[in-house]
Amino acid sequence: MSFSSFKSFTPLQNANSTEIEQVDCFLKQHEKICISLIQSLSDSKYSVYFVKDTDILAVIAISTGGNILHCIPNPELIIEAEQSLAKIISKQKLFCINGEEKGSLLLLEWIKKHTGKNPVHVNNYLLMNKSLNNFIADTPDYTVKKCSEESIQCLLPLELAYQKEEVFFNDRLPEPAVFSLYLSKIIKNFGIFAAEKNNKIISMAAYSAESWNFALIGGIYTLPEFRRQGFCKATLKALFNYLRNKEKNPVLFVNIKNQKALNLYKNLGFTEISPYTVIYF
């Protein structure tokens, strides 16, 4: 690969047909690490930029709410693009950086340098994936359903508990109205599967983005009093069945501090891809 004397983040909307094809090939090559980014290409709330030398070196998407999704496999190759990103972020609201650890840390360094903003919290995860050819055996036969919008109020307590336990920090609490809308979006566009006991939803698993061959799963939560009884496995089995019919392999990221979850996913056949970091401002 040859190296140009200047690299910059170019808006995808300004790309020519060759560059668009190159971006597409780049994202397919790195598909497992940037499913949400790929999904964002069809979302009008996101502005997408790419860095190119002979080949595409990086792609980022920034939402109107300040969520930065990125695919930067080799951060050292885009150092010269720092000033062009500085111009972009100077005009943006910043909420979080979301992606592989090494790319997230580079973007954080540039944001701190050019905006003076420091993160208020960092969540460190491990990105993992699973082939659906490696299926779950001996799963308890609990009743699991694919949820409709009528289930939102029943799902909401689990979603809020999940957010409080896995995502939120500094005693902040998730807002029910915000996550009610979030659940509605996931149900309409993707899918949530839930297990019930005594007509009460006690376990859930969802997928929230998809690319050509993969689906990003998350929101995996079981009420504490029903854990270690097979409900999570049963819910995931239903989700995996659904994704296998769609020919999508699941990818997830799990908090590195959550050893029980790490052990569960490894037992279910998930393997490690890379460190993954979400940085909040």
C-alpha atoms as a PDB file:
ATOM      1  CA  MET A   1       0.000   0.000   0.000  1.00  0.00           C
ATOM      2  CA  SER A   2       1.302   3.487  -0.825  1.00  0.00           C
ATOM      3  CA  PHE A   3       0.912   6.329   1.639  1.00  0.00           C
ATOM      4  CA  SER A   4      -0.324   9.738   0.581  1.00  0.00           C
ATOM      5  CA  SER A   5       1.001  12.924   2.167  1.00  0.00           C
ATOM      6  CA  PHE A   6      -2.432  13.816   3.489  1.00  0.00           C
ATOM      7  CA  LYS A   7      -5.401  11.831   4.650  1.00  0.00           C
ATOM      8  CA  SER A   8      -8.765  13.175   5.708  1.00  0.00           C
ATOM      9  CA  PHE A   9     -12.252  12.118   6.743  1.00  0.00           C
ATOM     10  CA  THR A  10     -14.420  12.565   3.657  1.00  0.00           C
ATOM     11  CA  PRO A  11     -18.249  12.618   3.808  1.00  0.00           C
ATOM     12  CA  LEU A  12     -19.640   9.486   2.196  1.00  0.00           C
ATOM     13  CA  GLN A  13     -22.227  11.631   0.450  1.00  0.00           C
ATOM     14  CA  ASN A  14     -19.358  13.227  -1.510  1.00  0.00           C
ATOM     15  CA  ALA A  15     -17.911   9.876  -2.594  1.00  0.00           C
ATOM     16  CA  ASN A  16     -17.824   8.754  -6.190  1.00  0.00           C
ATOM     17  CA  SER A  17     -19.095   5.354  -7.269  1.00  0.00           C
ATOM     18  CA  THR A  18     -15.661   3.734  -6.981  1.00  0.00           C
ATOM     19  CA  GLU A  19     -15.180   5.037  -3.447  1.00  0.00           C
ATOM     20  CA  ILE A  20     -18.655   3.873  -2.421  1.00  0.00           C
ATOM     21  CA  GLU A  21     -17.808   0.407  -3.703  1.00  0.00           C
ATOM     22  CA  GLN A  22     -14.494   0.504  -1.806  1.00  0.00           C
ATOM     23  CA  VAL A  23     -16.262   1.488   1.429  1.00  0.00           C
ATOM     24  CA  ASP A  24     -18.721  -1.349   0.915  1.00  0.00           C
ATOM     25  CA  CYS A  25     -15.883  -3.861   0.433  1.00  0.00           C
ATOM     26  CA  PHE A  26     -14.037  -2.490   3.476  1.00  0.00           C
ATOM     27  CA  LEU A  27     -17.080  -2.880   5.715  1.00  0.00           C
ATOM     28  CA  LYS A  28     -17.734  -6.411   4.421  1.00  0.00           C
ATOM     29  CA  GLN A  29     -14.116  -7.302   5.196  1.00  0.00           C
ATOM     30  CA  HIS A  30     -14.490  -6.075   8.796  1.00  0.00           C
ATOM     31  CA  GLU A  31     -18.163  -6.918   9.171  1.00  0.00           C
ATOM     32  CA  LYS A  32     -18.008  -8.661  12.554  1.00  0.00           C
ATOM     33  CA  ILE A  33     -16.568  -5.626  14.341  1.00  0.00           C
ATOM     34  CA  CYS A  34     -18.886  -2.945  12.945  1.00  0.00           C
ATOM     35  CA  ILE A  35     -22.447  -4.277  12.635  1.00  0.00           C
ATOM     36  CA  SER A  36     -24.023  -1.180  14.207  1.00  0.00           C
ATOM     37  CA  LEU A  37     -21.952   1.035  11.910  1.00  0.00           C
ATOM     38  CA  ILE A  38     -23.166  -0.871   8.868  1.00  0.00           C
ATOM     39  CA  GLN A  39     -26.750  -0.550  10.111  1.00  0.00           C
ATOM     40  CA  SER A  40     -26.262   3.214  10.514  1.00  0.00           C
ATOM     41  CA  LEU A  41     -25.632   3.658   6.773  1.00  0.00           C
ATOM     42  CA  SER A  42     -29.380   3.496   6.207  1.00  0.00           C
ATOM     43  CA  ASP A  43     -30.213   5.793   9.147  1.00  0.00           C
ATOM     44  CA  SER A  44     -30.706   9.463   8.249  1.00  0.00           C
ATOM     45  CA  LYS A  45     -29.660  10.473  11.776  1.00  0.00           C
ATOM     46  CA  TYR A  46     -26.069   9.480  10.989  1.00  0.00           C
ATOM     47  CA  SER A  47     -23.420  11.257   8.929  1.00  0.00           C
ATOM     48  CA  VAL A  48     -20.819   8.847   7.553  1.00  0.00           C
ATOM     49  CA  TYR A  49     -17.169   9.616   6.768  1.00  0.00           C
ATOM     50  CA  PHE A  50     -14.274   7.565   5.402  1.00  0.00           C
ATOM     51  CA  VAL A  51     -10.496   7.833   5.223  1.00  0.00           C
ATOM     52  CA  LYS A  52      -8.827   6.644   2.049  1.00  0.00           C
ATOM     53  CA  ASP A  53      -5.301   6.110   0.800  1.00  0.00           C
ATOM     54  CA  THR A  54      -5.012   3.552  -1.973  1.00  0.00           C
ATOM     55  CA  ASP A  55      -7.510   1.560   0.056  1.00  0.00           C
ATOM     56  CA  ILE A  56     -10.147   2.539   2.613  1.00  0.00           C
ATOM     57  CA  LEU A  57      -8.495   2.831   6.038  1.00  0.00           C
ATOM     58  CA  ALA A  58     -11.386   3.801   8.311  1.00  0.00           C
ATOM     59  CA  VAL A  59     -15.104   4.549   8.392  1.00  0.00           C
ATOM     60  CA  ILE A  60     -16.984   6.421  11.109  1.00  0.00           C
ATOM     61  CA  ALA A  61     -20.612   7.445  11.558  1.00  0.00           C
ATOM     62  CA  ILE A  62     -21.773  10.263  13.836  1.00  0.00           C
ATOM     63  CA  SER A  63     -25.413  10.637  14.851  1.00  0.00           C
ATOM     64  CA  THR A  64     -27.235  13.896  15.519  1.00  0.00           C
ATOM     65  CA  GLY A  65     -27.212  12.848  19.182  1.00  0.00           C
ATOM     66  CA  GLY A  66     -23.433  12.539  19.251  1.00  0.00           C
ATOM     67  CA  ASN A  67     -23.010   8.758  19.065  1.00  0.00           C
ATOM     68  CA  ILE A  68     -19.793   7.903  17.197  1.00  0.00           C
ATOM     69  CA  LEU A  69     -19.592   4.433  15.616  1.00  0.00           C
ATOM     70  CA  HIS A  70     -16.312   3.483  14.010  1.00  0.00           C
ATOM     71  CA  CYS A  71     -14.323   0.864  12.151  1.00  0.00           C
ATOM     72  CA  ILE A  72     -10.622   1.711  12.447  1.00  0.00           C
ATOM     73  CA  PRO A  73      -8.702  -1.574  12.145  1.00  0.00           C
ATOM     74  CA  ASN A  74      -5.267   0.097  12.097  1.00  0.00           C
ATOM     75  CA  PRO A  75      -5.340   3.446  13.939  1.00  0.00           C
ATOM     76  CA  GLU A  76      -1.690   4.164  13.146  1.00  0.00           C
ATOM     77  CA  LEU A  77      -2.572   4.446   9.457  1.00  0.00           C
ATOM     78  CA  ILE A  78      -4.940   7.398   9.913  1.00  0.00           C
ATOM     79  CA  ILE A  79      -2.865   9.654  12.190  1.00  0.00           C
ATOM     80  CA  GLU A  80      -2.654  12.236   9.398  1.00  0.00           C
ATOM     81  CA  ALA A  81      -6.455  12.526   9.382  1.00  0.00           C
ATOM     82  CA  GLU A  82      -6.538  14.069  12.857  1.00  0.00           C
ATOM     83  CA  GLN A  83      -7.064  17.673  11.748  1.00  0.00           C
ATOM     84  CA  SER A  84      -9.941  16.802   9.440  1.00  0.00           C
ATOM     85  CA  LEU A  85     -11.723  14.960  12.254  1.00  0.00           C
ATOM     86  CA  ALA A  86     -11.089  17.906  14.569  1.00  0.00           C
ATOM     87  CA  LYS A  87     -13.085  20.100  12.194  1.00  0.00           C
ATOM     88  CA  ILE A  88     -15.950  17.601  12.166  1.00  0.00           C
ATOM     89  CA  ILE A  89     -16.200  17.086  15.920  1.00  0.00           C
ATOM     90  CA  SER A  90     -15.949  20.821  16.625  1.00  0.00           C
ATOM     91  CA  LYS A  91     -19.443  21.115  15.125  1.00  0.00           C
ATOM     92  CA  GLN A  92     -20.889  18.020  16.806  1.00  0.00           C
ATOM     93  CA  LYS A  93     -22.605  17.204  20.042  1.00  0.00           C
ATOM     94  CA  LEU A  94     -20.672  14.358  21.664  1.00  0.00           C
ATOM     95  CA  PHE A  95     -22.364  11.583  23.619  1.00  0.00           C
ATOM     96  CA  CYS A  96     -20.256   8.443  23.230  1.00  0.00           C
ATOM     97  CA  ILE A  97     -17.664   6.568  21.187  1.00  0.00           C
ATOM     98  CA  ASN A  98     -18.576   2.991  20.345  1.00  0.00           C
ATOM     99  CA  GLY A  99     -16.276   0.408  18.756  1.00  0.00           C
ATOM    100  CA  GLU A 100     -13.105  -1.658  18.989  1.00  0.00           C
ATOM    101  CA  GLU A 101     -10.872  -0.544  21.840  1.00  0.00           C
ATOM    102  CA  LYS A 102      -7.880   0.705  19.844  1.00  0.00           C
ATOM    103  CA  GLY A 103     -10.015   2.875  17.562  1.00  0.00           C
ATOM    104  CA  SER A 104     -12.067   4.221  20.473  1.00  0.00           C
ATOM    105  CA  LEU A 105      -8.918   5.244  22.342  1.00  0.00           C
ATOM    106  CA  LEU A 106      -7.531   7.068  19.298  1.00  0.00           C
ATOM    107  CA  LEU A 107     -10.769   9.021  18.835  1.00  0.00           C
ATOM    108  CA  LEU A 108     -10.830   9.813  22.561  1.00  0.00           C
ATOM    109  CA  GLU A 109      -7.307  11.190  22.376  1.00  0.00           C
ATOM    110  CA  TRP A 110      -8.254  13.479  19.496  1.00  0.00           C
ATOM    111  CA  ILE A 111     -11.500  14.614  21.132  1.00  0.00           C
ATOM    112  CA  LYS A 112      -9.729  15.509  24.375  1.00  0.00           C
ATOM    113  CA  LYS A 113      -7.041  17.370  22.453  1.00  0.00           C
ATOM    114  CA  HIS A 114      -9.344  19.386  20.211  1.00  0.00           C
ATOM    115  CA  THR A 115     -12.442  19.915  22.362  1.00  0.00           C
ATOM    116  CA  GLY A 116     -11.107  19.699  25.899  1.00  0.00           C
ATOM    117  CA  LYS A 117     -13.843  17.188  26.742  1.00  0.00           C
ATOM    118  CA  ASN A 118     -12.996  14.315  29.058  1.00  0.00           C
ATOM    119  CA  PRO A 119     -14.987  11.107  29.382  1.00  0.00           C
ATOM    120  CA  VAL A 120     -17.279  10.675  32.352  1.00  0.00           C
ATOM    121  CA  HIS A 121     -17.317   6.891  32.090  1.00  0.00           C
ATOM    122  CA  VAL A 122     -15.739   4.045  30.118  1.00  0.00           C
ATOM    123  CA  ASN A 123     -17.243   0.577  29.687  1.00  0.00           C
ATOM    124  CA  ASN A 124     -14.802  -2.117  28.606  1.00  0.00           C
ATOM    125  CA  TYR A 125     -16.210  -5.141  26.816  1.00  0.00           C
ATOM    126  CA  LEU A 126     -15.111  -8.221  24.971  1.00  0.00           C
ATOM    127  CA  LEU A 127     -16.514  -8.644  21.460  1.00  0.00           C
ATOM    128  CA  MET A 128     -17.510 -12.255  20.769  1.00  0.00           C
ATOM    129  CA  ASN A 129     -19.178 -14.204  17.986  1.00  0.00           C
ATOM    130  CA  LYS A 130     -20.715 -17.612  17.383  1.00  0.00           C
ATOM    131  CA  SER A 131     -21.383 -19.753  14.369  1.00  0.00           C
ATOM    132  CA  LEU A 132     -24.949 -20.983  14.280  1.00  0.00           C
ATOM    133  CA  ASN A 133     -23.614 -24.274  12.951  1.00  0.00           C
ATOM    134  CA  ASN A 134     -22.439 -24.741  16.543  1.00  0.00           C
ATOM    135  CA  PHE A 135     -25.881 -24.968  18.120  1.00  0.00           C
ATOM    136  CA  ILE A 136     -27.089 -25.249  21.725  1.00  0.00           C
ATOM    137  CA  ALA A 137     -27.833 -28.775  22.861  1.00  0.00           C
ATOM    138  CA  ASP A 138     -29.802 -29.977  25.894  1.00  0.00           C
ATOM    139  CA  THR A 139     -31.645 -26.696  26.403  1.00  0.00           C
ATOM    140  CA  PRO A 140     -34.682 -26.751  28.742  1.00  0.00           C
ATOM    141  CA  ASP A 141     -37.922 -26.656  26.810  1.00  0.00           C
ATOM    142  CA  TYR A 142     -39.382 -23.469  28.280  1.00  0.00           C
ATOM    143  CA  THR A 143     -41.991 -21.505  26.350  1.00  0.00           C
ATOM    144  CA  VAL A 144     -40.368 -18.579  24.572  1.00  0.00           C
ATOM    145  CA  LYS A 145     -42.122 -16.093  22.319  1.00  0.00           C
ATOM    146  CA  LYS A 146     -41.115 -13.395  19.857  1.00  0.00           C
ATOM    147  CA  CYS A 147     -42.500 -10.226  21.374  1.00  0.00           C
ATOM    148  CA  SER A 148     -44.937  -7.764  19.852  1.00  0.00           C
ATOM    149  CA  GLU A 149     -45.526  -4.156  20.843  1.00  0.00           C
ATOM    150  CA  GLU A 150     -48.199  -5.346  23.266  1.00  0.00           C
ATOM    151  CA  SER A 151     -45.351  -6.776  25.368  1.00  0.00           C
ATOM    152  CA  ILE A 152     -43.462  -3.503  25.830  1.00  0.00           C
ATOM    153  CA  GLN A 153     -44.747  -2.688  29.307  1.00  0.00           C
ATOM    154  CA  CYS A 154     -43.979  -6.243  30.438  1.00  0.00           C
ATOM    155  CA  LEU A 155     -40.475  -6.074  28.960  1.00  0.00           C
ATOM    156  CA  LEU A 156     -39.720  -2.600  30.334  1.00  0.00           C
ATOM    157  CA  PRO A 157     -38.838  -3.645  33.922  1.00  0.00           C
ATOM    158  CA  LEU A 158     -36.263  -6.117  32.584  1.00  0.00           C
ATOM    159  CA  GLU A 159     -34.815  -3.577  30.141  1.00  0.00           C
ATOM    160  CA  LEU A 160     -34.474  -0.933  32.859  1.00  0.00           C
ATOM    161  CA  ALA A 161     -32.844  -3.456  35.207  1.00  0.00           C
ATOM    162  CA  TYR A 162     -30.445  -4.508  32.440  1.00  0.00           C
ATOM    163  CA  GLN A 163     -29.492  -0.901  31.693  1.00  0.00           C
ATOM    164  CA  LYS A 164     -28.955  -0.143  35.380  1.00  0.00           C
ATOM    165  CA  GLU A 165     -26.869  -3.287  35.921  1.00  0.00           C
ATOM    166  CA  GLU A 166     -24.828  -3.337  32.726  1.00  0.00           C
ATOM    167  CA  VAL A 167     -24.729   0.141  31.181  1.00  0.00           C
ATOM    168  CA  PHE A 168     -25.530   3.073  33.475  1.00  0.00           C
ATOM    169  CA  PHE A 169     -23.081   4.519  35.967  1.00  0.00           C
ATOM    170  CA  ASN A 170     -22.698   7.043  38.814  1.00  0.00           C
ATOM    171  CA  ASP A 171     -26.128   6.132  40.243  1.00  0.00           C
ATOM    172  CA  ARG A 172     -27.823   7.416  37.097  1.00  0.00           C
ATOM    173  CA  LEU A 173     -31.135   5.749  36.326  1.00  0.00           C
ATOM    174  CA  PRO A 174     -32.510   4.888  32.873  1.00  0.00           C
ATOM    175  CA  GLU A 175     -35.615   6.825  31.905  1.00  0.00           C
ATOM    176  CA  PRO A 176     -38.642   4.559  31.327  1.00  0.00           C
ATOM    177  CA  ALA A 177     -40.057   6.712  28.509  1.00  0.00           C
ATOM    178  CA  VAL A 178     -36.753   6.596  26.596  1.00  0.00           C
ATOM    179  CA  PHE A 179     -36.428   2.837  26.848  1.00  0.00           C
ATOM    180  CA  SER A 180     -40.070   2.223  26.090  1.00  0.00           C
ATOM    181  CA  LEU A 181     -39.435   3.915  22.736  1.00  0.00           C
ATOM    182  CA  TYR A 182     -36.219   1.934  22.355  1.00  0.00           C
ATOM    183  CA  LEU A 183     -38.040  -1.371  22.889  1.00  0.00           C
ATOM    184  CA  SER A 184     -40.669  -0.332  20.362  1.00  0.00           C
ATOM    185  CA  LYS A 185     -37.947   0.368  17.785  1.00  0.00           C
ATOM    186  CA  ILE A 186     -36.243  -2.984  18.394  1.00  0.00           C
ATOM    187  CA  ILE A 187     -39.518  -4.905  18.129  1.00  0.00           C
ATOM    188  CA  LYS A 188     -40.494  -3.136  14.903  1.00  0.00           C
ATOM    189  CA  ASN A 189     -37.132  -3.422  13.160  1.00  0.00           C
ATOM    190  CA  PHE A 190     -35.405  -6.444  14.678  1.00  0.00           C
ATOM    191  CA  GLY A 191     -36.603  -8.804  17.398  1.00  0.00           C
ATOM    192  CA  ILE A 192     -36.943  -9.517  21.109  1.00  0.00           C
ATOM    193  CA  PHE A 193     -37.515 -13.003  22.491  1.00  0.00           C
ATOM    194  CA  ALA A 194     -38.795 -13.609  26.023  1.00  0.00           C
ATOM    195  CA  ALA A 195     -39.476 -16.492  28.396  1.00  0.00           C
ATOM    196  CA  GLU A 196     -42.425 -16.398  30.752  1.00  0.00           C
ATOM    197  CA  LYS A 197     -43.361 -17.999  34.050  1.00  0.00           C
ATOM    198  CA  ASN A 198     -46.778 -17.583  35.615  1.00  0.00           C
ATOM    199  CA  ASN A 199     -47.688 -15.113  32.826  1.00  0.00           C
ATOM    200  CA  LYS A 200     -44.737 -12.887  33.749  1.00  0.00           C
ATOM    201  CA  ILE A 201     -41.769 -12.172  31.460  1.00  0.00           C
ATOM    202  CA  ILE A 202     -38.669 -13.205  33.377  1.00  0.00           C
ATOM    203  CA  SER A 203     -35.961 -13.491  30.697  1.00  0.00           C
ATOM    204  CA  MET A 204     -35.251 -11.676  27.437  1.00  0.00           C
ATOM    205  CA  ALA A 205     -32.762 -11.509  24.567  1.00  0.00           C
ATOM    206  CA  ALA A 206     -32.786  -9.241  21.535  1.00  0.00           C
ATOM    207  CA  TYR A 207     -30.888  -8.284  18.437  1.00  0.00           C
ATOM    208  CA  SER A 208     -30.563  -4.630  17.531  1.00  0.00           C
ATOM    209  CA  ALA A 209     -28.585  -4.427  14.291  1.00  0.00           C
ATOM    210  CA  GLU A 210     -27.714  -6.630  11.353  1.00  0.00           C
ATOM    211  CA  SER A 211     -25.281  -6.679   8.472  1.00  0.00           C
ATOM    212  CA  TRP A 212     -24.855  -9.003   5.506  1.00  0.00           C
ATOM    213  CA  ASN A 213     -23.970 -12.106   7.517  1.00  0.00           C
ATOM    214  CA  PHE A 214     -24.188 -11.116  11.187  1.00  0.00           C
ATOM    215  CA  ALA A 215     -26.599  -9.807  13.811  1.00  0.00           C
ATOM    216  CA  LEU A 216     -25.656  -7.872  16.938  1.00  0.00           C
ATOM    217  CA  ILE A 217     -27.437  -9.373  19.920  1.00  0.00           C
ATOM    218  CA  GLY A 218     -27.824  -7.818  23.365  1.00  0.00           C
ATOM    219  CA  GLY A 219     -30.220  -6.854  26.114  1.00  0.00           C
ATOM    220  CA  ILE A 220     -29.769 -10.384  27.448  1.00  0.00           C
ATOM    221  CA  TYR A 221     -31.248 -10.353  30.925  1.00  0.00           C
ATOM    222  CA  THR A 222     -32.954 -12.686  33.398  1.00  0.00           C
ATOM    223  CA  LEU A 223     -34.525 -11.559  36.646  1.00  0.00           C
ATOM    224  CA  PRO A 224     -32.130 -12.483  39.500  1.00  0.00           C
ATOM    225  CA  GLU A 225     -34.533 -14.871  41.235  1.00  0.00           C
ATOM    226  CA  PHE A 226     -34.881 -16.943  38.039  1.00  0.00           C
ATOM    227  CA  ARG A 227     -31.218 -17.273  37.103  1.00  0.00           C
ATOM    228  CA  ARG A 228     -29.400 -20.621  36.780  1.00  0.00           C
ATOM    229  CA  GLN A 229     -32.643 -22.339  35.822  1.00  0.00           C
ATOM    230  CA  GLY A 230     -32.106 -22.455  32.041  1.00  0.00           C
ATOM    231  CA  PHE A 231     -34.364 -19.541  31.083  1.00  0.00           C
ATOM    232  CA  CYS A 232     -31.532 -17.528  29.503  1.00  0.00           C
ATOM    233  CA  LYS A 233     -30.398 -20.498  27.416  1.00  0.00           C
ATOM    234  CA  ALA A 234     -33.954 -21.172  26.279  1.00  0.00           C
ATOM    235  CA  THR A 235     -34.441 -17.542  25.271  1.00  0.00           C
ATOM    236  CA  LEU A 236     -31.144 -17.469  23.403  1.00  0.00           C
ATOM    237  CA  LYS A 237     -31.980 -20.726  21.652  1.00  0.00           C
ATOM    238  CA  ALA A 238     -35.183 -19.187  20.294  1.00  0.00           C
ATOM    239  CA  LEU A 239     -33.266 -16.116  19.154  1.00  0.00           C
ATOM    240  CA  PHE A 240     -30.552 -18.247  17.527  1.00  0.00           C
ATOM    241  CA  ASN A 241     -33.190 -20.313  15.712  1.00  0.00           C
ATOM    242  CA  TYR A 242     -34.694 -17.123  14.343  1.00  0.00           C
ATOM    243  CA  LEU A 243     -31.293 -15.774  13.245  1.00  0.00           C
ATOM    244  CA  ARG A 244     -30.340 -19.074  11.644  1.00  0.00           C
ATOM    245  CA  ASN A 245     -33.450 -18.860   9.486  1.00  0.00           C
ATOM    246  CA  LYS A 246     -32.263 -15.387   8.460  1.00  0.00           C
ATOM    247  CA  GLU A 247     -28.741 -16.779   7.849  1.00  0.00           C
ATOM    248  CA  LYS A 248     -27.236 -14.361  10.386  1.00  0.00           C
ATOM    249  CA  ASN A 249     -24.528 -15.359  12.873  1.00  0.00           C
ATOM    250  CA  PRO A 250     -24.717 -13.672  16.291  1.00  0.00           C
ATOM    251  CA  VAL A 251     -22.149 -11.216  17.636  1.00  0.00           C
ATOM    252  CA  LEU A 252     -22.255  -9.632  21.082  1.00  0.00           C
ATOM    253  CA  PHE A 253     -20.113  -7.633  23.463  1.00  0.00           C
ATOM    254  CA  VAL A 254     -19.985  -8.495  27.147  1.00  0.00           C
ATOM    255  CA  ASN A 255     -18.604  -6.432  30.032  1.00  0.00           C
ATOM    256  CA  ILE A 256     -15.181  -7.795  30.962  1.00  0.00           C
ATOM    257  CA  LYS A 257     -16.127  -7.497  34.650  1.00  0.00           C
ATOM    258  CA  ASN A 258     -19.100  -9.839  34.197  1.00  0.00           C
ATOM    259  CA  GLN A 259     -17.324 -13.165  34.559  1.00  0.00           C
ATOM    260  CA  LYS A 260     -20.567 -15.152  34.864  1.00  0.00           C
ATOM    261  CA  ALA A 261     -21.784 -13.815  31.524  1.00  0.00           C
ATOM    262  CA  LEU A 262     -18.393 -14.454  29.921  1.00  0.00           C
ATOM    263  CA  ASN A 263     -18.477 -18.054  31.099  1.00  0.00           C
ATOM    264  CA  LEU A 264     -22.060 -18.489  29.863  1.00  0.00           C
ATOM    265  CA  TYR A 265     -21.277 -17.238  26.362  1.00  0.00           C
ATOM    266  CA  LYS A 266     -18.124 -19.334  26.110  1.00  0.00           C
ATOM    267  CA  ASN A 267     -20.159 -22.381  27.147  1.00  0.00           C
ATOM    268  CA  LEU A 268     -22.641 -21.519  24.401  1.00  0.00           C
ATOM    269  CA  GLY A 269     -19.878 -21.566  21.795  1.00  0.00           C
ATOM    270  CA  PHE A 270     -18.977 -17.893  21.544  1.00  0.00           C
ATOM    271  CA  THR A 271     -15.341 -17.077  20.832  1.00  0.00           C
ATOM    272  CA  GLU A 272     -13.404 -13.871  21.386  1.00  0.00           C
ATOM    273  CA  ILE A 273     -12.873 -11.358  18.569  1.00  0.00           C
ATOM    274  CA  SER A 274     -11.312  -8.302  20.218  1.00  0.00           C
ATOM    275  CA  PRO A 275     -11.584  -5.772  23.072  1.00  0.00           C
ATOM    276  CA  TYR A 276     -14.466  -3.347  22.586  1.00  0.00           C
ATOM    277  CA  THR A 277     -14.880   0.016  24.322  1.00  0.00           C
ATOM    278  CA  VAL A 278     -17.767   2.425  24.816  1.00  0.00           C
ATOM    279  CA  ILE A 279     -16.746   5.859  26.094  1.00  0.00           C
ATOM    280  CA  TYR A 280     -19.332   8.313  27.451  1.00  0.00           C
ATOM    281  CA  PHE A 281     -19.026  12.116  27.656  1.00  0.00           C
END
